[in-house]
Every structure is written in C-alpha cells, then in structure tokens.
Amino acid sequence: MKSIFRNVVFYSVSLFLTSQLITGLKISGDLTTYVIGGAVLSVLFFIVKPILSIVTLPLNIITLGFFSFIINAIILYLLTIFVSNITIAEFTYPGFAFAGFVIPSFYVNNFFAFIVVSFVLSFIITFLKWLTQK
C-alpha cells in the first residue's frame, strides 16, 4: 500500500515538474488533476509498460534501450486520452546560453514533443526514486 501511494506521489510530482520545465505539457486544473494523472500514469506504467516491453523486446535490444522512450511516449499518449485535462502539444524551445555553451532555439513537433516529455518525465521519476532509496 505504501509503495502504491509513493508511486502516485512520484508520478504526480514528476508531472508537475515536467509541466513547469516543458511548455508543451499543459495540465489544466488543480491538485486533483495532478493526483488523478499520477494515479493513471502509475497504473499505465504498472500494466501497459511490461506488455509493451515484452512485445517490443527485439526493437529494444537492437536500439540498445532507446526504444523505451517510444514506449514511454505511447504511455503518455494513453494518459492524454484517459485524462482530458492533460495535453501534450508542439512547442518551440527558446534556447539556452551559458558560458559560451549555446543551444539554439528549435521547433518540436507533436511526435517529438511526446518523446521529449517522456525523456524528461523518466529522468525526473528516476531522480525522485534515487533520492528516496534506503
């Protein structure tokens, strides 16, 4: 029971942080939308991700694990279908410059928006789980 609650909290917090970092992820609503989104996301990761991982195992082996981001993007697409207050749309990255290191601004279409959001979401979830290890 504690692990289910912890997963819902992790996914809710990661949805919030990802929506703050990426302008393409829009969550309209209040705290209940984040909690419902986190609960649906934890159920999707618990049920759908193992099935998709087994079905796409050869592709995942060939791409050395990078196909898992496509699986996460599919799960995020299912999340936007089940929770109507969560949308992922195309966006323009404004760019970044620091100490001579420059990332120019670029446009991210709808497909790659799901990939970018899945990458950032996976990174935040992994970081949160790493923080709470015993």
N, C-alpha and C. Protein backbone atom coordinates (compact mmCIF):
# COMPACT_ATOMS: atom_id res chain seq x y z
N MET A 1 0.83 -1.19 0.00
CA MET A 1 0.00 0.00 0.00
C MET A 1 0.87 1.25 0.00
N LYS A 2 1.96 1.19 0.77
CA LYS A 2 2.84 2.34 0.85
C LYS A 2 3.54 2.59 -0.49
N SER A 3 3.89 1.51 -1.18
CA SER A 3 4.58 1.68 -2.46
C SER A 3 3.63 2.22 -3.54
N ILE A 4 2.37 1.85 -3.48
CA ILE A 4 1.39 2.38 -4.44
C ILE A 4 1.22 3.88 -4.22
N PHE A 5 1.08 4.29 -2.97
CA PHE A 5 0.95 5.70 -2.65
C PHE A 5 2.20 6.47 -3.05
N ARG A 6 3.38 5.87 -2.82
CA ARG A 6 4.64 6.52 -3.18
C ARG A 6 4.73 6.69 -4.69
N ASN A 7 4.32 5.68 -5.46
CA ASN A 7 4.36 5.81 -6.92
C ASN A 7 3.41 6.89 -7.42
N VAL A 8 2.23 6.97 -6.84
CA VAL A 8 1.28 8.02 -7.24
C VAL A 8 1.86 9.40 -6.93
N VAL A 9 2.50 9.54 -5.78
CA VAL A 9 3.11 10.83 -5.42
C VAL A 9 4.27 11.14 -6.36
N PHE A 10 5.11 10.16 -6.66
CA PHE A 10 6.23 10.38 -7.57
C PHE A 10 5.75 10.82 -8.95
N TYR A 11 4.76 10.12 -9.49
CA TYR A 11 4.27 10.46 -10.81
C TYR A 11 3.55 11.80 -10.82
N SER A 12 2.85 12.13 -9.75
CA SER A 12 2.18 13.44 -9.67
C SER A 12 3.20 14.57 -9.61
N VAL A 13 4.22 14.41 -8.77
CA VAL A 13 5.26 15.43 -8.66
C VAL A 13 6.03 15.55 -9.97
N SER A 14 6.31 14.42 -10.60
CA SER A 14 7.05 14.47 -11.85
C SER A 14 6.22 15.12 -12.96
N LEU A 15 4.91 14.89 -12.96
CA LEU A 15 4.04 15.59 -13.92
C LEU A 15 4.08 17.10 -13.69
N PHE A 16 4.05 17.50 -12.42
CA PHE A 16 4.11 18.93 -12.11
C PHE A 16 5.44 19.54 -12.56
N LEU A 17 6.54 18.88 -12.21
CA LEU A 17 7.86 19.42 -12.57
C LEU A 17 8.06 19.45 -14.09
N THR A 18 7.60 18.43 -14.76
CA THR A 18 7.73 18.40 -16.22
C THR A 18 6.89 19.48 -16.87
N SER A 19 5.71 19.73 -16.33
CA SER A 19 4.88 20.80 -16.90
C SER A 19 5.49 22.17 -16.65
N GLN A 20 6.30 22.30 -15.60
CA GLN A 20 6.99 23.56 -15.35
C GLN A 20 8.20 23.73 -16.26
N LEU A 21 8.84 22.62 -16.65
CA LEU A 21 10.04 22.69 -17.48
C LEU A 21 9.74 22.78 -18.97
N ILE A 22 8.70 22.08 -19.42
CA ILE A 22 8.40 21.99 -20.85
C ILE A 22 7.05 22.65 -21.11
N THR A 23 7.06 23.60 -22.03
CA THR A 23 5.82 24.34 -22.30
C THR A 23 4.83 23.52 -23.11
N GLY A 24 5.25 22.42 -23.70
CA GLY A 24 4.35 21.59 -24.49
C GLY A 24 3.41 20.75 -23.65
N LEU A 25 3.75 20.50 -22.39
CA LEU A 25 2.90 19.73 -21.49
C LEU A 25 2.01 20.70 -20.73
N LYS A 26 0.74 20.67 -21.02
CA LYS A 26 -0.22 21.57 -20.38
C LYS A 26 -1.18 20.76 -19.53
N ILE A 27 -1.25 21.12 -18.26
CA ILE A 27 -2.17 20.46 -17.33
C ILE A 27 -3.10 21.53 -16.80
N SER A 28 -4.35 21.46 -17.22
CA SER A 28 -5.34 22.42 -16.75
C SER A 28 -6.11 21.80 -15.59
N GLY A 29 -6.25 22.56 -14.55
CA GLY A 29 -6.92 22.05 -13.36
C GLY A 29 -6.09 22.34 -12.13
N ASP A 30 -6.50 21.73 -11.05
CA ASP A 30 -5.81 21.98 -9.79
C ASP A 30 -5.07 20.73 -9.33
N LEU A 31 -4.89 20.59 -8.05
CA LEU A 31 -4.13 19.48 -7.48
C LEU A 31 -4.76 18.13 -7.79
N THR A 32 -6.08 18.07 -7.88
CA THR A 32 -6.73 16.79 -8.16
C THR A 32 -6.37 16.27 -9.55
N THR A 33 -6.15 17.18 -10.49
CA THR A 33 -5.74 16.75 -11.83
C THR A 33 -4.37 16.09 -11.78
N TYR A 34 -3.46 16.65 -10.98
CA TYR A 34 -2.13 16.05 -10.85
C TYR A 34 -2.21 14.69 -10.16
N VAL A 35 -3.06 14.57 -9.15
CA VAL A 35 -3.19 13.29 -8.43
C VAL A 35 -3.84 12.25 -9.33
N ILE A 36 -4.88 12.63 -10.04
CA ILE A 36 -5.53 11.68 -10.96
C ILE A 36 -4.56 11.29 -12.08
N GLY A 37 -3.83 12.28 -12.61
CA GLY A 37 -2.83 12.00 -13.64
C GLY A 37 -1.73 11.08 -13.12
N GLY A 38 -1.29 11.31 -11.88
CA GLY A 38 -0.27 10.44 -11.29
C GLY A 38 -0.79 9.03 -11.06
N ALA A 39 -2.05 8.91 -10.63
CA ALA A 39 -2.63 7.57 -10.42
C ALA A 39 -2.79 6.83 -11.74
N VAL A 40 -3.30 7.52 -12.76
CA VAL A 40 -3.46 6.87 -14.07
C VAL A 40 -2.10 6.51 -14.66
N LEU A 41 -1.13 7.40 -14.49
CA LEU A 41 0.21 7.12 -15.01
C LEU A 41 0.85 5.94 -14.30
N SER A 42 0.65 5.82 -12.99
CA SER A 42 1.22 4.68 -12.27
C SER A 42 0.54 3.37 -12.68
N VAL A 43 -0.77 3.41 -12.93
CA VAL A 43 -1.46 2.20 -13.42
C VAL A 43 -0.98 1.83 -14.81
N LEU A 44 -0.81 2.83 -15.68
CA LEU A 44 -0.32 2.55 -17.03
C LEU A 44 1.10 2.00 -17.00
N PHE A 45 1.95 2.55 -16.15
CA PHE A 45 3.32 2.03 -16.05
C PHE A 45 3.33 0.63 -15.44
N PHE A 46 2.37 0.34 -14.59
CA PHE A 46 2.33 -0.97 -13.94
C PHE A 46 1.76 -2.05 -14.85
N ILE A 47 0.77 -1.69 -15.69
CA ILE A 47 0.09 -2.70 -16.51
C ILE A 47 0.56 -2.67 -17.96
N VAL A 48 0.58 -1.50 -18.58
CA VAL A 48 0.82 -1.42 -20.02
C VAL A 48 2.31 -1.52 -20.36
N LYS A 49 3.17 -0.90 -19.55
CA LYS A 49 4.60 -0.89 -19.89
C LYS A 49 5.22 -2.28 -19.96
N PRO A 50 4.95 -3.20 -19.03
CA PRO A 50 5.54 -4.54 -19.20
C PRO A 50 5.06 -5.26 -20.45
N ILE A 51 3.80 -5.08 -20.80
CA ILE A 51 3.28 -5.72 -22.01
C ILE A 51 3.98 -5.16 -23.25
N LEU A 52 4.08 -3.82 -23.33
CA LEU A 52 4.75 -3.22 -24.47
C LEU A 52 6.24 -3.54 -24.50
N SER A 53 6.85 -3.67 -23.33
CA SER A 53 8.27 -4.00 -23.28
C SER A 53 8.53 -5.41 -23.79
N ILE A 54 7.65 -6.34 -23.48
CA ILE A 54 7.82 -7.71 -23.97
C ILE A 54 7.57 -7.79 -25.47
N VAL A 55 6.54 -7.09 -25.94
CA VAL A 55 6.22 -7.14 -27.37
C VAL A 55 7.34 -6.50 -28.20
N THR A 56 7.92 -5.42 -27.71
CA THR A 56 8.94 -4.70 -28.48
C THR A 56 10.36 -5.03 -28.02
N LEU A 57 10.55 -6.17 -27.38
CA LEU A 57 11.88 -6.55 -26.89
C LEU A 57 12.94 -6.60 -28.00
N PRO A 58 12.65 -7.18 -29.17
CA PRO A 58 13.69 -7.17 -30.21
C PRO A 58 14.11 -5.76 -30.64
N LEU A 59 13.15 -4.85 -30.77
CA LEU A 59 13.49 -3.47 -31.12
C LEU A 59 14.28 -2.79 -30.01
N ASN A 60 13.95 -3.10 -28.80
CA ASN A 60 14.65 -2.51 -27.67
C ASN A 60 16.09 -3.03 -27.61
N ILE A 61 16.31 -4.29 -27.95
CA ILE A 61 17.66 -4.84 -27.96
C ILE A 61 18.47 -4.23 -29.11
N ILE A 62 17.85 -4.10 -30.29
CA ILE A 62 18.55 -3.54 -31.44
C ILE A 62 18.95 -2.09 -31.20
N THR A 63 18.08 -1.31 -30.57
CA THR A 63 18.36 0.10 -30.34
C THR A 63 19.08 0.36 -29.02
N LEU A 64 19.51 -0.69 -28.35
CA LEU A 64 20.24 -0.60 -27.08
C LEU A 64 19.46 0.14 -26.00
N GLY A 65 18.15 -0.05 -25.98
CA GLY A 65 17.31 0.51 -24.93
C GLY A 65 16.68 1.84 -25.24
N PHE A 66 17.02 2.45 -26.36
CA PHE A 66 16.44 3.74 -26.68
C PHE A 66 14.98 3.65 -27.09
N PHE A 67 14.51 2.47 -27.46
CA PHE A 67 13.11 2.31 -27.83
C PHE A 67 12.20 2.43 -26.60
N SER A 68 12.77 2.37 -25.41
CA SER A 68 11.95 2.53 -24.20
C SER A 68 11.36 3.93 -24.11
N PHE A 69 12.01 4.92 -24.72
CA PHE A 69 11.43 6.26 -24.74
C PHE A 69 10.19 6.30 -25.64
N ILE A 70 10.17 5.49 -26.70
CA ILE A 70 8.99 5.39 -27.54
C ILE A 70 7.85 4.73 -26.76
N ILE A 71 8.18 3.71 -25.96
CA ILE A 71 7.17 3.06 -25.12
C ILE A 71 6.61 4.05 -24.11
N ASN A 72 7.49 4.86 -23.51
CA ASN A 72 7.01 5.88 -22.57
C ASN A 72 6.16 6.92 -23.27
N ALA A 73 6.48 7.26 -24.52
CA ALA A 73 5.67 8.21 -25.28
C ALA A 73 4.29 7.63 -25.57
N ILE A 74 4.23 6.33 -25.84
CA ILE A 74 2.92 5.68 -26.05
C ILE A 74 2.10 5.72 -24.77
N ILE A 75 2.75 5.50 -23.65
CA ILE A 75 2.06 5.56 -22.36
C ILE A 75 1.57 6.98 -22.08
N LEU A 76 2.38 7.98 -22.43
CA LEU A 76 1.93 9.37 -22.26
C LEU A 76 0.76 9.70 -23.18
N TYR A 77 0.78 9.13 -24.38
CA TYR A 77 -0.35 9.33 -25.28
C TYR A 77 -1.63 8.73 -24.69
N LEU A 78 -1.51 7.54 -24.11
CA LEU A 78 -2.66 6.93 -23.44
C LEU A 78 -3.12 7.77 -22.25
N LEU A 79 -2.16 8.40 -21.55
CA LEU A 79 -2.52 9.27 -20.43
C LEU A 79 -3.33 10.47 -20.91
N THR A 80 -2.94 11.05 -22.06
CA THR A 80 -3.70 12.19 -22.56
C THR A 80 -5.09 11.78 -23.05
N ILE A 81 -5.24 10.52 -23.42
CA ILE A 81 -6.57 10.04 -23.79
C ILE A 81 -7.45 9.84 -22.55
N PHE A 82 -6.89 9.23 -21.51
CA PHE A 82 -7.68 8.92 -20.31
C PHE A 82 -7.96 10.15 -19.45
N VAL A 83 -7.01 11.06 -19.34
CA VAL A 83 -7.20 12.27 -18.53
C VAL A 83 -7.26 13.45 -19.50
N SER A 84 -8.44 14.00 -19.68
CA SER A 84 -8.64 15.03 -20.71
C SER A 84 -8.02 16.37 -20.33
N ASN A 85 -7.69 16.60 -19.07
CA ASN A 85 -7.08 17.87 -18.66
C ASN A 85 -5.58 17.93 -18.93
N ILE A 86 -4.99 16.83 -19.37
CA ILE A 86 -3.56 16.78 -19.67
C ILE A 86 -3.40 16.70 -21.17
N THR A 87 -2.66 17.66 -21.74
CA THR A 87 -2.41 17.67 -23.17
C THR A 87 -0.92 17.87 -23.42
N ILE A 88 -0.46 17.25 -24.50
CA ILE A 88 0.92 17.44 -24.95
C ILE A 88 0.84 17.93 -26.38
N ALA A 89 1.42 19.11 -26.61
CA ALA A 89 1.35 19.72 -27.94
C ALA A 89 2.74 20.15 -28.37
N GLU A 90 2.84 20.53 -29.64
CA GLU A 90 4.12 21.00 -30.14
C GLU A 90 4.51 22.30 -29.45
N PHE A 91 5.81 22.56 -29.41
CA PHE A 91 6.30 23.77 -28.75
C PHE A 91 7.61 24.18 -29.39
N THR A 92 8.02 25.39 -29.09
CA THR A 92 9.31 25.91 -29.54
C THR A 92 10.22 26.07 -28.34
N TYR A 93 11.36 25.39 -28.38
CA TYR A 93 12.33 25.52 -27.30
C TYR A 93 13.01 26.88 -27.46
N PRO A 94 13.04 27.71 -26.42
CA PRO A 94 13.55 29.08 -26.58
C PRO A 94 15.06 29.18 -26.73
N GLY A 95 15.78 28.15 -26.40
CA GLY A 95 17.24 28.20 -26.49
C GLY A 95 17.86 28.42 -25.13
N PHE A 96 19.18 28.23 -25.08
CA PHE A 96 19.91 28.33 -23.83
C PHE A 96 21.34 28.72 -24.13
N ALA A 97 21.89 29.63 -23.34
CA ALA A 97 23.28 30.02 -23.50
C ALA A 97 23.88 30.25 -22.12
N PHE A 98 25.04 29.63 -21.90
CA PHE A 98 25.73 29.81 -20.62
C PHE A 98 27.23 29.58 -20.84
N ALA A 99 28.02 30.57 -20.53
CA ALA A 99 29.48 30.50 -20.55
C ALA A 99 30.01 29.97 -21.89
N GLY A 100 29.47 30.47 -22.97
CA GLY A 100 29.92 30.07 -24.29
C GLY A 100 29.26 28.82 -24.83
N PHE A 101 28.50 28.13 -24.03
CA PHE A 101 27.77 26.94 -24.46
C PHE A 101 26.39 27.38 -24.91
N VAL A 102 26.06 27.14 -26.17
CA VAL A 102 24.82 27.65 -26.74
C VAL A 102 24.00 26.50 -27.32
N ILE A 103 22.73 26.43 -26.91
CA ILE A 103 21.75 25.55 -27.54
C ILE A 103 20.75 26.47 -28.22
N PRO A 104 20.69 26.44 -29.55
CA PRO A 104 19.80 27.38 -30.24
C PRO A 104 18.33 27.00 -30.07
N SER A 105 17.46 27.94 -30.35
CA SER A 105 16.02 27.65 -30.27
C SER A 105 15.63 26.76 -31.45
N PHE A 106 14.69 25.87 -31.21
CA PHE A 106 14.23 24.97 -32.26
C PHE A 106 12.79 24.59 -32.00
N TYR A 107 12.12 24.17 -33.06
CA TYR A 107 10.72 23.78 -33.03
C TYR A 107 10.62 22.28 -32.82
N VAL A 108 9.72 21.86 -31.93
CA VAL A 108 9.50 20.45 -31.65
C VAL A 108 8.07 20.13 -32.07
N ASN A 109 7.93 19.21 -33.04
CA ASN A 109 6.58 18.87 -33.50
C ASN A 109 5.89 17.96 -32.49
N ASN A 110 4.68 17.55 -32.81
CA ASN A 110 3.84 16.82 -31.85
C ASN A 110 4.44 15.47 -31.47
N PHE A 111 4.96 14.72 -32.44
CA PHE A 111 5.55 13.41 -32.15
C PHE A 111 6.76 13.54 -31.24
N PHE A 112 7.66 14.45 -31.59
CA PHE A 112 8.86 14.61 -30.78
C PHE A 112 8.56 15.29 -29.44
N ALA A 113 7.43 15.99 -29.34
CA ALA A 113 7.03 16.56 -28.05
C ALA A 113 6.74 15.43 -27.06
N PHE A 114 6.08 14.36 -27.54
CA PHE A 114 5.85 13.20 -26.68
C PHE A 114 7.16 12.55 -26.28
N ILE A 115 8.12 12.48 -27.20
CA ILE A 115 9.42 11.88 -26.90
C ILE A 115 10.18 12.72 -25.88
N VAL A 116 10.19 14.04 -26.06
CA VAL A 116 10.90 14.93 -25.13
C VAL A 116 10.25 14.88 -23.76
N VAL A 117 8.94 14.92 -23.70
CA VAL A 117 8.24 14.85 -22.41
C VAL A 117 8.50 13.51 -21.74
N SER A 118 8.52 12.42 -22.51
CA SER A 118 8.79 11.11 -21.90
C SER A 118 10.21 11.03 -21.37
N PHE A 119 11.16 11.64 -22.08
CA PHE A 119 12.55 11.65 -21.61
C PHE A 119 12.69 12.43 -20.31
N VAL A 120 12.11 13.62 -20.26
CA VAL A 120 12.20 14.45 -19.05
C VAL A 120 11.45 13.80 -17.90
N LEU A 121 10.28 13.24 -18.18
CA LEU A 121 9.49 12.57 -17.14
C LEU A 121 10.24 11.37 -16.58
N SER A 122 10.87 10.58 -17.45
CA SER A 122 11.64 9.42 -16.99
C SER A 122 12.83 9.86 -16.14
N PHE A 123 13.48 10.94 -16.55
CA PHE A 123 14.61 11.45 -15.78
C PHE A 123 14.18 11.91 -14.39
N ILE A 124 13.07 12.63 -14.30
CA ILE A 124 12.60 13.14 -13.01
C ILE A 124 12.14 11.99 -12.12
N ILE A 125 11.44 11.00 -12.67
CA ILE A 125 10.99 9.86 -11.88
C ILE A 125 12.18 9.07 -11.34
N THR A 126 13.17 8.85 -12.20
CA THR A 126 14.38 8.14 -11.77
C THR A 126 15.11 8.91 -10.68
N PHE A 127 15.17 10.23 -10.83
CA PHE A 127 15.83 11.05 -9.81
C PHE A 127 15.08 11.00 -8.49
N LEU A 128 13.75 11.07 -8.52
CA LEU A 128 12.97 11.00 -7.29
C LEU A 128 13.10 9.65 -6.60
N LYS A 129 13.14 8.57 -7.39
CA LYS A 129 13.32 7.26 -6.80
C LYS A 129 14.73 7.10 -6.23
N TRP A 130 15.71 7.72 -6.88
CA TRP A 130 17.08 7.68 -6.36
C TRP A 130 17.19 8.43 -5.04
N LEU A 131 16.47 9.55 -4.94
CA LEU A 131 16.51 10.35 -3.71
C LEU A 131 15.94 9.59 -2.50
N THR A 132 14.98 8.72 -2.74
CA THR A 132 14.30 8.07 -1.63
C THR A 132 14.78 6.64 -1.40
N GLN A 133 15.89 6.25 -2.01
CA GLN A 133 16.43 4.92 -1.76
C GLN A 133 16.91 4.81 -0.32
N LYS A 134 16.87 3.58 0.17
CA LYS A 134 17.33 3.34 1.54
C LYS A 134 18.76 2.87 1.53
